[in-house]
């Protein structure tokens, strides 16, 4: 999923697992504008509610900032999130 598509999906209430590397270590943000869905997902991953981080995101199409939250994931929690997310789908052909 491209960054723009991921942000759009998250701001429409979906859950987006944004993977990246920090100092060579794999990390991910689990992002959404649906705080309730993120809290539910976090409980599945063994995360504490108070670890959820608020961060408004700029919508790629409108440029307006919208409310959004994310979890920081690494290590065993990232591996569990990846297993729950299932395989990546190939990019859609245009």
PDB file of N, CA and C in Angstrom:
ATOM      1  N   UNK A   1       0.856  -1.170   0.000  1.00  0.00           N
ATOM      2  CA  UNK A   1       0.000   0.000   0.000  1.00  0.00           C
ATOM      3  C   UNK A   1       0.902   1.233   0.000  1.00  0.00           C
ATOM      4  N   UNK A   2       0.635   2.133  -0.887  1.00  0.00           N
ATOM      5  CA  UNK A   2       1.384   3.382  -0.936  1.00  0.00           C
ATOM      6  C   UNK A   2       1.029   4.260   0.262  1.00  0.00           C
ATOM      7  N   UNK A   3       1.955   5.146   0.625  1.00  0.00           N
ATOM      8  CA  UNK A   3       1.747   6.011   1.785  1.00  0.00           C
ATOM      9  C   UNK A   3       0.430   6.782   1.668  1.00  0.00           C
ATOM     10  N   UNK A   4       0.197   7.402   0.518  1.00  0.00           N
ATOM     11  CA  UNK A   4      -1.019   8.205   0.323  1.00  0.00           C
ATOM     12  C   UNK A   4      -2.276   7.356   0.514  1.00  0.00           C
ATOM     13  N   UNK A   5      -2.255   6.145  -0.024  1.00  0.00           N
ATOM     14  CA  UNK A   5      -3.407   5.245   0.130  1.00  0.00           C
ATOM     15  C   UNK A   5      -3.575   4.827   1.588  1.00  0.00           C
ATOM     16  N   UNK A   6      -2.469   4.577   2.275  1.00  0.00           N
ATOM     17  CA  UNK A   6      -2.521   4.183   3.674  1.00  0.00           C
ATOM     18  C   UNK A   6      -3.097   5.277   4.561  1.00  0.00           C
ATOM     19  N   UNK A   7      -2.621   6.501   4.369  1.00  0.00           N
ATOM     20  CA  UNK A   7      -3.131   7.628   5.156  1.00  0.00           C
ATOM     21  C   UNK A   7      -4.616   7.833   4.873  1.00  0.00           C
ATOM     22  N   UNK A   8      -5.004   7.769   3.616  1.00  0.00           N
ATOM     23  CA  UNK A   8      -6.417   7.930   3.255  1.00  0.00           C
ATOM     24  C   UNK A   8      -7.259   6.854   3.927  1.00  0.00           C
ATOM     25  N   UNK A   9      -6.789   5.611   3.872  1.00  0.00           N
ATOM     26  CA  UNK A   9      -7.511   4.495   4.499  1.00  0.00           C
ATOM     27  C   UNK A   9      -7.658   4.738   6.002  1.00  0.00           C
ATOM     28  N   UNK A  10      -6.574   5.144   6.658  1.00  0.00           N
ATOM     29  CA  UNK A  10      -6.611   5.399   8.103  1.00  0.00           C
ATOM     30  C   UNK A  10      -7.558   6.542   8.445  1.00  0.00           C
ATOM     31  N   UNK A  11      -7.556   7.596   7.637  1.00  0.00           N
ATOM     32  CA  UNK A  11      -8.407   8.749   7.920  1.00  0.00           C
ATOM     33  C   UNK A  11      -9.871   8.489   7.589  1.00  0.00           C
ATOM     34  N   UNK A  12     -10.122   7.409   6.875  1.00  0.00           N
ATOM     35  CA  UNK A  12     -11.506   6.998   6.615  1.00  0.00           C
ATOM     36  C   UNK A  12     -11.974   5.977   7.649  1.00  0.00           C
ATOM     37  N   UNK A  13     -11.157   5.759   8.693  1.00  0.00           N
ATOM     38  CA  UNK A  13     -11.543   4.881   9.791  1.00  0.00           C
ATOM     39  C   UNK A  13     -10.956   3.484   9.747  1.00  0.00           C
ATOM     40  N   UNK A  14     -10.180   3.175   8.708  1.00  0.00           N
ATOM     41  CA  UNK A  14      -9.550   1.859   8.630  1.00  0.00           C
ATOM     42  C   UNK A  14      -8.299   1.790   9.489  1.00  0.00           C
ATOM     43  N   UNK A  15      -7.776   0.593   9.656  1.00  0.00           N
ATOM     44  CA  UNK A  15      -6.519   0.390  10.371  1.00  0.00           C
ATOM     45  C   UNK A  15      -5.409   0.242   9.338  1.00  0.00           C
ATOM     46  N   UNK A  16      -4.362   1.040   9.476  1.00  0.00           N
ATOM     47  CA  UNK A  16      -3.233   1.028   8.555  1.00  0.00           C
ATOM     48  C   UNK A  16      -1.971   0.698   9.326  1.00  0.00           C
ATOM     49  N   UNK A  17      -1.274  -0.345   8.904  1.00  0.00           N
ATOM     50  CA  UNK A  17      -0.006  -0.726   9.508  1.00  0.00           C
ATOM     51  C   UNK A  17       1.105  -0.132   8.654  1.00  0.00           C
ATOM     52  N   UNK A  18       1.653   0.989   9.119  1.00  0.00           N
ATOM     53  CA  UNK A  18       2.697   1.715   8.393  1.00  0.00           C
ATOM     54  C   UNK A  18       4.057   1.249   8.890  1.00  0.00           C
ATOM     55  N   UNK A  19       4.737   0.448   8.070  1.00  0.00           N
ATOM     56  CA  UNK A  19       6.023  -0.123   8.459  1.00  0.00           C
ATOM     57  C   UNK A  19       7.171   0.814   8.100  1.00  0.00           C
ATOM     58  N   UNK A  20       8.210   0.817   8.953  1.00  0.00           N
ATOM     59  CA  UNK A  20       9.410   1.615   8.704  1.00  0.00           C
ATOM     60  C   UNK A  20      10.557   1.033   9.520  1.00  0.00           C
ATOM     61  N   UNK A  21      11.745   1.563   9.324  1.00  0.00           N
ATOM     62  CA  UNK A  21      12.917   1.144  10.088  1.00  0.00           C
ATOM     63  C   UNK A  21      13.449   2.347  10.853  1.00  0.00           C
ATOM     64  N   UNK A  22      13.859   2.110  12.096  1.00  0.00           N
ATOM     65  CA  UNK A  22      14.443   3.146  12.929  1.00  0.00           C
ATOM     66  C   UNK A  22      15.749   2.579  13.488  1.00  0.00           C
ATOM     67  N   UNK A  23      16.848   3.244  13.146  1.00  0.00           N
ATOM     68  CA  UNK A  23      18.183   2.767  13.545  1.00  0.00           C
ATOM     69  C   UNK A  23      18.386   1.303  13.183  1.00  0.00           C
ATOM     70  N   UNK A  24      17.888   0.916  12.000  1.00  0.00           N
ATOM     71  CA  UNK A  24      18.050  -0.438  11.496  1.00  0.00           C
ATOM     72  C   UNK A  24      17.063  -1.455  12.040  1.00  0.00           C
ATOM     73  N   UNK A  25      16.209  -1.061  12.977  1.00  0.00           N
ATOM     74  CA  UNK A  25      15.251  -1.984  13.579  1.00  0.00           C
ATOM     75  C   UNK A  25      13.871  -1.802  12.942  1.00  0.00           C
ATOM     76  N   UNK A  26      13.176  -2.920  12.631  1.00  0.00           N
ATOM     77  CA  UNK A  26      11.827  -2.796  12.069  1.00  0.00           C
ATOM     78  C   UNK A  26      10.827  -2.290  13.109  1.00  0.00           C
ATOM     79  N   UNK A  27      10.038  -1.322  12.711  1.00  0.00           N
ATOM     80  CA  UNK A  27       8.975  -0.730  13.520  1.00  0.00           C
ATOM     81  C   UNK A  27       7.738  -0.602  12.638  1.00  0.00           C
ATOM     82  N   UNK A  28       6.629  -0.260  13.260  1.00  0.00           N
ATOM     83  CA  UNK A  28       5.417   0.097  12.527  1.00  0.00           C
ATOM     84  C   UNK A  28       4.563   0.992  13.404  1.00  0.00           C
ATOM     85  N   UNK A  29       3.780   1.822  12.756  1.00  0.00           N
ATOM     86  CA  UNK A  29       2.705   2.548  13.417  1.00  0.00           C
ATOM     87  C   UNK A  29       1.410   1.874  12.971  1.00  0.00           C
ATOM     88  N   UNK A  30       0.551   1.572  13.917  1.00  0.00           N
ATOM     89  CA  UNK A  30      -0.798   1.119  13.602  1.00  0.00           C
ATOM     90  C   UNK A  30      -1.662   2.355  13.757  1.00  0.00           C
ATOM     91  N   UNK A  31      -2.204   2.852  12.645  1.00  0.00           N
ATOM     92  CA  UNK A  31      -2.800   4.191  12.564  1.00  0.00           C
ATOM     93  C   UNK A  31      -4.274   4.119  12.182  1.00  0.00           C
ATOM     94  N   UNK A  32      -5.084   5.028  12.757  1.00  0.00           N
ATOM     95  CA  UNK A  32      -6.481   5.170  12.345  1.00  0.00           C
ATOM     96  C   UNK A  32      -7.072   6.454  12.919  1.00  0.00           C
ATOM     97  N   UNK A  33      -8.140   6.902  12.304  1.00  0.00           N
ATOM     98  CA  UNK A  33      -8.922   8.002  12.871  1.00  0.00           C
ATOM     99  C   UNK A  33     -10.015   7.449  13.789  1.00  0.00           C
ATOM    100  N   UNK A  34     -10.172   6.127  13.794  1.00  0.00           N
ATOM    101  CA  UNK A  34     -11.159   5.467  14.648  1.00  0.00           C
ATOM    102  C   UNK A  34     -10.460   5.016  15.937  1.00  0.00           C
ATOM    103  N   UNK A  35     -10.522   5.855  16.945  1.00  0.00           N
ATOM    104  CA  UNK A  35      -9.825   5.585  18.202  1.00  0.00           C
ATOM    105  C   UNK A  35     -10.304   4.284  18.840  1.00  0.00           C
ATOM    106  N   UNK A  36     -11.604   4.033  18.784  1.00  0.00           N
ATOM    107  CA  UNK A  36     -12.159   2.807  19.359  1.00  0.00           C
ATOM    108  C   UNK A  36     -11.605   1.557  18.701  1.00  0.00           C
ATOM    109  N   UNK A  37     -11.493   1.570  17.382  1.00  0.00           N
ATOM    110  CA  UNK A  37     -10.938   0.415  16.668  1.00  0.00           C
ATOM    111  C   UNK A  37      -9.474   0.194  17.042  1.00  0.00           C
ATOM    112  N   UNK A  38      -8.732   1.289  17.216  1.00  0.00           N
ATOM    113  CA  UNK A  38      -7.324   1.166  17.612  1.00  0.00           C
ATOM    114  C   UNK A  38      -7.195   0.609  19.032  1.00  0.00           C
ATOM    115  N   UNK A  39      -8.047   1.070  19.942  1.00  0.00           N
ATOM    116  CA  UNK A  39      -8.006   0.554  21.309  1.00  0.00           C
ATOM    117  C   UNK A  39      -8.302  -0.948  21.328  1.00  0.00           C
ATOM    118  N   UNK A  40      -9.270  -1.372  20.537  1.00  0.00           N
ATOM    119  CA  UNK A  40      -9.609  -2.797  20.443  1.00  0.00           C
ATOM    120  C   UNK A  40      -8.421  -3.586  19.885  1.00  0.00           C
ATOM    121  N   UNK A  41      -7.808  -3.086  18.823  1.00  0.00           N
ATOM    122  CA  UNK A  41      -6.643  -3.753  18.239  1.00  0.00           C
ATOM    123  C   UNK A  41      -5.489  -3.794  19.236  1.00  0.00           C
ATOM    124  N   UNK A  42      -5.300  -2.711  19.961  1.00  0.00           N
ATOM    125  CA  UNK A  42      -4.232  -2.651  20.952  1.00  0.00           C
ATOM    126  C   UNK A  42      -4.399  -3.687  22.049  1.00  0.00           C
ATOM    127  N   UNK A  43      -5.623  -3.893  22.474  1.00  0.00           N
ATOM    128  CA  UNK A  43      -5.866  -4.905  23.505  1.00  0.00           C
ATOM    129  C   UNK A  43      -5.521  -6.296  22.980  1.00  0.00           C
ATOM    130  N   UNK A  44      -5.814  -6.534  21.706  1.00  0.00           N
ATOM    131  CA  UNK A  44      -5.454  -7.811  21.082  1.00  0.00           C
ATOM    132  C   UNK A  44      -3.938  -8.001  21.062  1.00  0.00           C
ATOM    133  N   UNK A  45      -3.211  -6.899  20.930  1.00  0.00           N
ATOM    134  CA  UNK A  45      -1.746  -6.951  20.860  1.00  0.00           C
ATOM    135  C   UNK A  45      -1.087  -6.829  22.237  1.00  0.00           C
ATOM    136  N   UNK A  46      -1.881  -6.701  23.287  1.00  0.00           N
ATOM    137  CA  UNK A  46      -1.331  -6.600  24.639  1.00  0.00           C
ATOM    138  C   UNK A  46      -0.799  -5.220  24.985  1.00  0.00           C
ATOM    139  N   UNK A  47      -1.355  -4.182  24.360  1.00  0.00           N
ATOM    140  CA  UNK A  47      -0.920  -2.811  24.605  1.00  0.00           C
ATOM    141  C   UNK A  47      -1.814  -2.153  25.658  1.00  0.00           C
ATOM    142  N   UNK A  48      -1.249  -1.250  26.414  1.00  0.00           N
ATOM    143  CA  UNK A  48      -2.008  -0.507  27.411  1.00  0.00           C
ATOM    144  C   UNK A  48      -2.639   0.719  26.757  1.00  0.00           C
ATOM    145  N   UNK A  49      -3.893   1.000  27.105  1.00  0.00           N
ATOM    146  CA  UNK A  49      -4.634   2.105  26.494  1.00  0.00           C
ATOM    147  C   UNK A  49      -3.872   3.432  26.546  1.00  0.00           C
ATOM    148  N   UNK A  50      -3.184   3.692  27.664  1.00  0.00           N
ATOM    149  CA  UNK A  50      -2.504   4.978  27.814  1.00  0.00           C
ATOM    150  C   UNK A  50      -1.297   5.129  26.880  1.00  0.00           C
ATOM    151  N   UNK A  51      -0.887   4.072  26.206  1.00  0.00           N
ATOM    152  CA  UNK A  51       0.215   4.165  25.246  1.00  0.00           C
ATOM    153  C   UNK A  51      -0.248   4.693  23.887  1.00  0.00           C
ATOM    154  N   UNK A  52      -1.555   4.737  23.651  1.00  0.00           N
ATOM    155  CA  UNK A  52      -2.066   5.229  22.374  1.00  0.00           C
ATOM    156  C   UNK A  52      -1.693   6.700  22.219  1.00  0.00           C
ATOM    157  N   UNK A  53      -1.180   7.058  21.054  1.00  0.00           N
ATOM    158  CA  UNK A  53      -0.691   8.421  20.817  1.00  0.00           C
ATOM    159  C   UNK A  53      -1.597   9.169  19.838  1.00  0.00           C
ATOM    160  N   UNK A  54      -1.919  10.399  20.193  1.00  0.00           N
ATOM    161  CA  UNK A  54      -2.723  11.269  19.337  1.00  0.00           C
ATOM    162  C   UNK A  54      -1.801  12.013  18.381  1.00  0.00           C
ATOM    163  N   UNK A  55      -2.144  11.985  17.107  1.00  0.00           N
ATOM    164  CA  UNK A  55      -1.374  12.751  16.135  1.00  0.00           C
ATOM    165  C   UNK A  55      -2.253  13.045  14.916  1.00  0.00           C
ATOM    166  N   UNK A  56      -2.713  14.281  14.789  1.00  0.00           N
ATOM    167  CA  UNK A  56      -3.508  14.637  13.614  1.00  0.00           C
ATOM    168  C   UNK A  56      -2.682  14.441  12.347  1.00  0.00           C
ATOM    169  N   UNK A  57      -3.346  14.005  11.296  1.00  0.00           N
ATOM    170  CA  UNK A  57      -2.679  13.795  10.011  1.00  0.00           C
ATOM    171  C   UNK A  57      -3.310  14.679   8.942  1.00  0.00           C
ATOM    172  N   UNK A  58      -2.486  15.112   8.006  1.00  0.00           N
ATOM    173  CA  UNK A  58      -2.983  15.906   6.889  1.00  0.00           C
ATOM    174  C   UNK A  58      -3.562  14.954   5.842  1.00  0.00           C
ATOM    175  N   UNK A  59      -4.819  15.177   5.471  1.00  0.00           N
ATOM    176  CA  UNK A  59      -5.452  14.330   4.458  1.00  0.00           C
ATOM    177  C   UNK A  59      -4.787  14.598   3.114  1.00  0.00           C
ATOM    178  N   UNK A  60      -4.340  13.545   2.429  1.00  0.00           N
ATOM    179  CA  UNK A  60      -3.615  13.742   1.161  1.00  0.00           C
ATOM    180  C   UNK A  60      -4.420  14.462   0.079  1.00  0.00           C
ATOM    181  N   UNK A  61      -5.738  14.348   0.113  1.00  0.00           N
ATOM    182  CA  UNK A  61      -6.552  14.952  -0.952  1.00  0.00           C
ATOM    183  C   UNK A  61      -6.993  16.374  -0.628  1.00  0.00           C
ATOM    184  N   UNK A  62      -7.392  16.621   0.632  1.00  0.00           N
ATOM    185  CA  UNK A  62      -7.902  17.945   0.993  1.00  0.00           C
ATOM    186  C   UNK A  62      -6.834  18.846   1.602  1.00  0.00           C
ATOM    187  N   UNK A  63      -5.778  18.261   2.149  1.00  0.00           N
ATOM    188  CA  UNK A  63      -4.753  19.040   2.825  1.00  0.00           C
ATOM    189  C   UNK A  63      -5.139  19.458   4.236  1.00  0.00           C
ATOM    190  N   UNK A  64      -6.353  19.109   4.659  1.00  0.00           N
ATOM    191  CA  UNK A  64      -6.818  19.472   5.996  1.00  0.00           C
ATOM    192  C   UNK A  64      -6.346  18.447   7.020  1.00  0.00           C
ATOM    193  N   UNK A  65      -6.015  18.928   8.218  1.00  0.00           N
ATOM    194  CA  UNK A  65      -5.616  18.028   9.304  1.00  0.00           C
ATOM    195  C   UNK A  65      -6.860  17.382   9.902  1.00  0.00           C
ATOM    196  N   UNK A  66      -6.749  16.073  10.173  1.00  0.00           N
ATOM    197  CA  UNK A  66      -7.832  15.320  10.791  1.00  0.00           C
ATOM    198  C   UNK A  66      -7.294  14.589  12.011  1.00  0.00           C
ATOM    199  N   UNK A  67      -8.178  14.369  12.979  1.00  0.00           N
ATOM    200  CA  UNK A  67      -7.789  13.619  14.167  1.00  0.00           C
ATOM    201  C   UNK A  67      -7.371  12.214  13.778  1.00  0.00           C
ATOM    202  N   UNK A  68      -6.292  11.738  14.394  1.00  0.00           N
ATOM    203  CA  UNK A  68      -5.827  10.365  14.185  1.00  0.00           C
ATOM    204  C   UNK A  68      -4.991   9.962  15.393  1.00  0.00           C
ATOM    205  N   UNK A  69      -4.872   8.658  15.589  1.00  0.00           N
ATOM    206  CA  UNK A  69      -4.105   8.096  16.688  1.00  0.00           C
ATOM    207  C   UNK A  69      -3.237   6.981  16.138  1.00  0.00           C
ATOM    208  N   UNK A  70      -2.206   6.606  16.896  1.00  0.00           N
ATOM    209  CA  UNK A  70      -1.381   5.475  16.469  1.00  0.00           C
ATOM    210  C   UNK A  70      -0.726   4.792  17.662  1.00  0.00           C
ATOM    211  N   UNK A  71      -0.393   3.540  17.443  1.00  0.00           N
ATOM    212  CA  UNK A  71       0.429   2.765  18.352  1.00  0.00           C
ATOM    213  C   UNK A  71       1.813   2.649  17.723  1.00  0.00           C
ATOM    214  N   UNK A  72       2.862   2.673  18.526  1.00  0.00           N
ATOM    215  CA  UNK A  72       4.207   2.320  18.074  1.00  0.00           C
ATOM    216  C   UNK A  72       4.382   0.826  18.319  1.00  0.00           C
ATOM    217  N   UNK A  73       4.798   0.104  17.290  1.00  0.00           N
ATOM    218  CA  UNK A  73       4.993  -1.336  17.417  1.00  0.00           C
ATOM    219  C   UNK A  73       6.402  -1.712  17.001  1.00  0.00           C
ATOM    220  N   UNK A  74       7.002  -2.605  17.780  1.00  0.00           N
ATOM    221  CA  UNK A  74       8.295  -3.182  17.426  1.00  0.00           C
ATOM    222  C   UNK A  74       8.420  -4.523  18.136  1.00  0.00           C
ATOM    223  N   UNK A  75       9.418  -5.271  17.786  1.00  0.00           N
ATOM    224  CA  UNK A  75       9.676  -6.544  18.451  1.00  0.00           C
ATOM    225  C   UNK A  75       8.517  -7.518  18.342  1.00  0.00           C
ATOM    226  N   UNK A  76       8.224  -8.188  19.456  1.00  0.00           N
ATOM    227  CA  UNK A  76       7.192  -9.232  19.475  1.00  0.00           C
ATOM    228  C   UNK A  76       5.807  -8.679  19.125  1.00  0.00           C
ATOM    229  N   UNK A  77       5.513  -7.451  19.544  1.00  0.00           N
ATOM    230  CA  UNK A  77       4.194  -6.886  19.232  1.00  0.00           C
ATOM    231  C   UNK A  77       4.058  -6.607  17.737  1.00  0.00           C
ATOM    232  N   UNK A  78       5.130  -6.169  17.114  1.00  0.00           N
ATOM    233  CA  UNK A  78       5.101  -5.962  15.665  1.00  0.00           C
ATOM    234  C   UNK A  78       4.918  -7.298  14.960  1.00  0.00           C
ATOM    235  N   UNK A  79       5.645  -8.318  15.377  1.00  0.00           N
ATOM    236  CA  UNK A  79       5.512  -9.638  14.755  1.00  0.00           C
ATOM    237  C   UNK A  79       4.089 -10.162  14.881  1.00  0.00           C
ATOM    238  N   UNK A  80       3.486  -9.970  16.053  1.00  0.00           N
ATOM    239  CA  UNK A  80       2.102 -10.420  16.238  1.00  0.00           C
ATOM    240  C   UNK A  80       1.150  -9.640  15.328  1.00  0.00           C
ATOM    241  N   UNK A  81       1.348  -8.332  15.229  1.00  0.00           N
ATOM    242  CA  UNK A  81       0.499  -7.512  14.359  1.00  0.00           C
ATOM    243  C   UNK A  81       0.633  -7.956  12.907  1.00  0.00           C
ATOM    244  N   UNK A  82       1.847  -8.270  12.486  1.00  0.00           N
ATOM    245  CA  UNK A  82       2.057  -8.726  11.110  1.00  0.00           C
ATOM    246  C   UNK A  82       1.371 -10.066  10.860  1.00  0.00           C
ATOM    247  N   UNK A  83       1.430 -10.970  11.837  1.00  0.00           N
ATOM    248  CA  UNK A  83       0.734 -12.261  11.685  1.00  0.00           C
ATOM    249  C   UNK A  83      -0.773 -12.057  11.600  1.00  0.00           C
ATOM    250  N   UNK A  84      -1.312 -11.167  12.446  1.00  0.00           N
ATOM    251  CA  UNK A  84      -2.755 -10.911  12.426  1.00  0.00           C
ATOM    252  C   UNK A  84      -3.197 -10.217  11.144  1.00  0.00           C
ATOM    253  N   UNK A  85      -2.310  -9.372  10.582  1.00  0.00           N
ATOM    254  CA  UNK A  85      -2.651  -8.642   9.365  1.00  0.00           C
ATOM    255  C   UNK A  85      -2.691  -9.559   8.152  1.00  0.00           C
ATOM    256  N   UNK A  86      -1.941 -10.651   8.199  1.00  0.00           N
ATOM    257  CA  UNK A  86      -1.909 -11.579   7.064  1.00  0.00           C
ATOM    258  C   UNK A  86      -0.948 -11.102   5.999  1.00  0.00           C
ATOM    259  N   UNK A  87      -0.906 -11.815   4.879  1.00  0.00           N
ATOM    260  CA  UNK A  87       0.056 -11.473   3.823  1.00  0.00           C
ATOM    261  C   UNK A  87      -0.287 -10.143   3.153  1.00  0.00           C
ATOM    262  N   UNK A  88       0.756  -9.493   2.675  1.00  0.00           N
ATOM    263  CA  UNK A  88       0.546  -8.254   1.920  1.00  0.00           C
ATOM    264  C   UNK A  88      -0.062  -8.584   0.570  1.00  0.00           C
ATOM    265  N   UNK A  89      -0.995  -7.770   0.134  1.00  0.00           N
ATOM    266  CA  UNK A  89      -1.560  -7.982  -1.203  1.00  0.00           C
ATOM    267  C   UNK A  89      -0.696  -7.248  -2.212  1.00  0.00           C
ATOM    268  N   UNK A  90      -0.591  -7.798  -3.417  1.00  0.00           N
ATOM    269  CA  UNK A  90       0.228  -7.124  -4.440  1.00  0.00           C
ATOM    270  C   UNK A  90      -0.413  -5.798  -4.822  1.00  0.00           C
ATOM    271  N   UNK A  91       0.398  -4.854  -5.306  1.00  0.00           N
ATOM    272  CA  UNK A  91      -0.164  -3.558  -5.727  1.00  0.00           C
ATOM    273  C   UNK A  91      -1.193  -3.749  -6.836  1.00  0.00           C
ATOM    274  N   UNK A  92      -2.227  -2.937  -6.773  1.00  0.00           N
ATOM    275  CA  UNK A  92      -3.265  -3.005  -7.821  1.00  0.00           C
ATOM    276  C   UNK A  92      -2.686  -2.486  -9.131  1.00  0.00           C
ATOM    277  N   UNK A  93      -3.016  -3.172 -10.203  1.00  0.00           N
ATOM    278  CA  UNK A  93      -2.541  -2.686 -11.513  1.00  0.00           C
ATOM    279  C   UNK A  93      -3.428  -1.537 -11.956  1.00  0.00           C
ATOM    280  N   UNK A  94      -2.817  -0.601 -12.628  1.00  0.00           N
ATOM    281  CA  UNK A  94      -3.567   0.594 -13.042  1.00  0.00           C
ATOM    282  C   UNK A  94      -3.871   0.570 -14.500  1.00  0.00           C
TER     283      UNK A  94
END
